[in-house]
Amino acid sequence: MRLPIEVVEHQLNAYNLKNIETFMESWHSEAEYYSHPNTLLARGLKEIRERHVERFREPDLFGKLVSRIQIDALVIDHEIVTRNFPEGKGKVEVVCIYEVQKEKITKAWFILGNREME
């Protein structure tokens, strides 16, 4: 049985490889994906997949893990994410909070910092 921290590590590795099938393995069929604190961005595998298929087309996409902690079913990542924004390549600081139940991410909240363009 995988620990919550291992589930989140698996999905970040798949994110960085831009492997949508492996990435989706970590998500519960009814998972909810939020902009913190409560703006729902996607619900369920179909909507989460659609968000990421588009994102994975970005040539420079990469989430660099700065730190990770686990408290019970919650895993909290601090990342620096490189993106290809409409205005060009840049980075954004992100805090990701994942709730993991039965080896699947059931809820996730994301707090984004300001974009820094290269």
C-alpha atoms as a PDB file:
ATOM      1  CA  MET A   1       0.000   0.000   0.000  1.00  0.00           C
ATOM      2  CA  ARG A   2       1.369   3.388  -1.028  1.00  0.00           C
ATOM      3  CA  LEU A   3       1.558   6.187   1.503  1.00  0.00           C
ATOM      4  CA  PRO A   4      -0.063   9.541   0.627  1.00  0.00           C
ATOM      5  CA  ILE A   5       3.389  11.071   0.148  1.00  0.00           C
ATOM      6  CA  GLU A   6       4.237   8.347  -2.394  1.00  0.00           C
ATOM      7  CA  VAL A   7       1.007   8.971  -4.333  1.00  0.00           C
ATOM      8  CA  VAL A   8       1.847  12.677  -4.628  1.00  0.00           C
ATOM      9  CA  GLU A   9       5.440  11.901  -5.628  1.00  0.00           C
ATOM     10  CA  HIS A  10       4.130   9.570  -8.362  1.00  0.00           C
ATOM     11  CA  GLN A  11       1.863  12.251  -9.808  1.00  0.00           C
ATOM     12  CA  LEU A  12       4.583  14.957  -9.738  1.00  0.00           C
ATOM     13  CA  ASN A  13       7.016  12.630 -11.521  1.00  0.00           C
ATOM     14  CA  ALA A  14       4.374  11.911 -14.181  1.00  0.00           C
ATOM     15  CA  TYR A  15       3.625  15.665 -14.454  1.00  0.00           C
ATOM     16  CA  ASN A  16       7.290  16.364 -15.134  1.00  0.00           C
ATOM     17  CA  LEU A  17       7.419  13.588 -17.728  1.00  0.00           C
ATOM     18  CA  LYS A  18       4.186  14.964 -19.245  1.00  0.00           C
ATOM     19  CA  ASN A  19       2.771  11.441 -19.152  1.00  0.00           C
ATOM     20  CA  ILE A  20      -0.976  11.948 -18.914  1.00  0.00           C
ATOM     21  CA  GLU A  21      -1.829   8.265 -18.391  1.00  0.00           C
ATOM     22  CA  THR A  22       0.588   7.832 -15.487  1.00  0.00           C
ATOM     23  CA  PHE A  23      -0.406  11.220 -14.066  1.00  0.00           C
ATOM     24  CA  MET A  24      -4.092  10.285 -14.028  1.00  0.00           C
ATOM     25  CA  GLU A  25      -3.397   7.046 -12.091  1.00  0.00           C
ATOM     26  CA  SER A  26      -2.987   9.132  -8.925  1.00  0.00           C
ATOM     27  CA  TRP A  27      -6.411  10.818  -9.106  1.00  0.00           C
ATOM     28  CA  HIS A  28      -9.694   9.519  -7.703  1.00  0.00           C
ATOM     29  CA  SER A  29     -12.560   9.264 -10.203  1.00  0.00           C
ATOM     30  CA  GLU A  30     -14.456  12.036  -8.365  1.00  0.00           C
ATOM     31  CA  ALA A  31     -11.450  14.154  -7.362  1.00  0.00           C
ATOM     32  CA  GLU A  32     -11.900  17.903  -6.936  1.00  0.00           C
ATOM     33  CA  TYR A  33      -9.241  20.394  -8.056  1.00  0.00           C
ATOM     34  CA  TYR A  34      -9.350  23.896  -6.533  1.00  0.00           C
ATOM     35  CA  SER A  35      -7.728  27.268  -6.633  1.00  0.00           C
ATOM     36  CA  HIS A  36      -7.324  27.832  -2.883  1.00  0.00           C
ATOM     37  CA  PRO A  37      -9.467  28.193  -0.913  1.00  0.00           C
ATOM     38  CA  ASN A  38     -12.657  27.149  -2.707  1.00  0.00           C
ATOM     39  CA  THR A  39     -12.741  27.978  -6.426  1.00  0.00           C
ATOM     40  CA  LEU A  40     -13.473  24.664  -8.133  1.00  0.00           C
ATOM     41  CA  LEU A  41     -11.422  24.365 -11.342  1.00  0.00           C
ATOM     42  CA  ALA A  42     -12.133  20.728 -12.228  1.00  0.00           C
ATOM     43  CA  ARG A  43     -14.148  17.805 -10.914  1.00  0.00           C
ATOM     44  CA  GLY A  44     -13.615  14.188 -11.928  1.00  0.00           C
ATOM     45  CA  LEU A  45     -11.078  12.488 -14.132  1.00  0.00           C
ATOM     46  CA  LYS A  46     -12.365  13.906 -17.422  1.00  0.00           C
ATOM     47  CA  GLU A  47     -12.027  17.552 -16.355  1.00  0.00           C
ATOM     48  CA  ILE A  48      -8.679  17.030 -14.613  1.00  0.00           C
ATOM     49  CA  ARG A  49      -7.353  15.236 -17.708  1.00  0.00           C
ATOM     50  CA  GLU A  50      -8.547  18.034 -20.020  1.00  0.00           C
ATOM     51  CA  ARG A  51      -6.707  20.660 -17.909  1.00  0.00           C
ATOM     52  CA  HIS A  52      -3.480  18.701 -18.027  1.00  0.00           C
ATOM     53  CA  VAL A  53      -3.501  17.510 -21.634  1.00  0.00           C
ATOM     54  CA  GLU A  54      -3.354  21.183 -22.615  1.00  0.00           C
ATOM     55  CA  ARG A  55      -0.726  22.003 -19.978  1.00  0.00           C
ATOM     56  CA  PHE A  56       1.472  19.073 -20.987  1.00  0.00           C
ATOM     57  CA  ARG A  57       1.839  20.632 -24.456  1.00  0.00           C
ATOM     58  CA  GLU A  58       4.037  23.353 -22.922  1.00  0.00           C
ATOM     59  CA  PRO A  59       7.632  22.550 -23.944  1.00  0.00           C
ATOM     60  CA  ASP A  60       9.235  23.925 -20.772  1.00  0.00           C
ATOM     61  CA  LEU A  61       6.718  22.657 -18.212  1.00  0.00           C
ATOM     62  CA  PHE A  62       8.456  21.425 -15.049  1.00  0.00           C
ATOM     63  CA  GLY A  63       7.569  21.402 -11.362  1.00  0.00           C
ATOM     64  CA  LYS A  64      10.670  21.674  -9.167  1.00  0.00           C
ATOM     65  CA  LEU A  65       9.960  20.391  -5.676  1.00  0.00           C
ATOM     66  CA  VAL A  66      11.287  22.742  -2.984  1.00  0.00           C
ATOM     67  CA  SER A  67       9.809  20.920   0.021  1.00  0.00           C
ATOM     68  CA  ARG A  68       7.171  18.355   0.920  1.00  0.00           C
ATOM     69  CA  ILE A  69       5.483  17.411   4.184  1.00  0.00           C
ATOM     70  CA  GLN A  70       2.794  14.942   5.102  1.00  0.00           C
ATOM     71  CA  ILE A  71       0.312  15.323   7.936  1.00  0.00           C
ATOM     72  CA  ASP A  72      -2.058  12.365   8.082  1.00  0.00           C
ATOM     73  CA  ALA A  73      -3.899  12.259   4.725  1.00  0.00           C
ATOM     74  CA  LEU A  74      -2.609  15.683   3.611  1.00  0.00           C
ATOM     75  CA  VAL A  75       0.541  16.205   1.573  1.00  0.00           C
ATOM     76  CA  ILE A  76       1.778  19.756   1.094  1.00  0.00           C
ATOM     77  CA  ASP A  77       4.257  20.586  -1.658  1.00  0.00           C
ATOM     78  CA  HIS A  78       6.118  23.828  -2.222  1.00  0.00           C
ATOM     79  CA  GLU A  79       7.161  23.977  -5.872  1.00  0.00           C
ATOM     80  CA  ILE A  80       8.634  26.333  -8.429  1.00  0.00           C
ATOM     81  CA  VAL A  81       6.861  25.613 -11.703  1.00  0.00           C
ATOM     82  CA  THR A  82       8.316  26.599 -15.059  1.00  0.00           C
ATOM     83  CA  ARG A  83       5.574  27.361 -17.581  1.00  0.00           C
ATOM     84  CA  ASN A  84       5.101  28.693 -21.083  1.00  0.00           C
ATOM     85  CA  PHE A  85       2.654  31.519 -20.484  1.00  0.00           C
ATOM     86  CA  PRO A  86       1.022  33.429 -23.367  1.00  0.00           C
ATOM     87  CA  GLU A  87       3.532  36.236 -22.749  1.00  0.00           C
ATOM     88  CA  GLY A  88       6.526  33.857 -22.677  1.00  0.00           C
ATOM     89  CA  LYS A  89       8.521  31.501 -20.475  1.00  0.00           C
ATOM     90  CA  GLY A  90       8.395  32.106 -16.759  1.00  0.00           C
ATOM     91  CA  LYS A  91       8.186  30.627 -13.297  1.00  0.00           C
ATOM     92  CA  VAL A  92       5.554  30.652 -10.615  1.00  0.00           C
ATOM     93  CA  GLU A  93       5.810  29.622  -6.974  1.00  0.00           C
ATOM     94  CA  VAL A  94       3.066  27.177  -6.015  1.00  0.00           C
ATOM     95  CA  VAL A  95       1.842  25.622  -2.794  1.00  0.00           C
ATOM     96  CA  CYS A  96      -0.057  22.409  -3.513  1.00  0.00           C
ATOM     97  CA  ILE A  97      -2.212  20.749  -0.868  1.00  0.00           C
ATOM     98  CA  TYR A  98      -3.337  17.212  -1.650  1.00  0.00           C
ATOM     99  CA  GLU A  99      -5.810  15.080   0.274  1.00  0.00           C
ATOM    100  CA  VAL A 100      -5.115  11.401  -0.349  1.00  0.00           C
ATOM    101  CA  GLN A 101      -7.539   8.601   0.523  1.00  0.00           C
ATOM    102  CA  LYS A 102      -7.045   4.930  -0.401  1.00  0.00           C
ATOM    103  CA  GLU A 103      -4.008   5.692  -2.588  1.00  0.00           C
ATOM    104  CA  LYS A 104      -5.790   8.322  -4.695  1.00  0.00           C
ATOM    105  CA  ILE A 105      -5.852  12.120  -4.611  1.00  0.00           C
ATOM    106  CA  THR A 106      -9.412  13.064  -3.684  1.00  0.00           C
ATOM    107  CA  LYS A 107      -8.976  16.840  -3.366  1.00  0.00           C
ATOM    108  CA  ALA A 108      -6.260  19.288  -4.283  1.00  0.00           C
ATOM    109  CA  TRP A 109      -5.851  23.000  -3.606  1.00  0.00           C
ATOM    110  CA  PHE A 110      -3.334  25.253  -5.327  1.00  0.00           C
ATOM    111  CA  ILE A 111      -2.003  28.624  -4.181  1.00  0.00           C
ATOM    112  CA  LEU A 112      -0.086  30.486  -6.893  1.00  0.00           C
ATOM    113  CA  GLY A 113       2.422  33.240  -6.363  1.00  0.00           C
ATOM    114  CA  ASN A 114       3.284  35.940  -8.856  1.00  0.00           C
ATOM    115  CA  ARG A 115       4.682  35.044 -12.259  1.00  0.00           C
ATOM    116  CA  GLU A 116       8.329  35.850 -12.875  1.00  0.00           C
ATOM    117  CA  MET A 117       9.076  36.066 -16.570  1.00  0.00           C
ATOM    118  CA  GLU A 118      12.474  35.137 -17.973  1.00  0.00           C
END
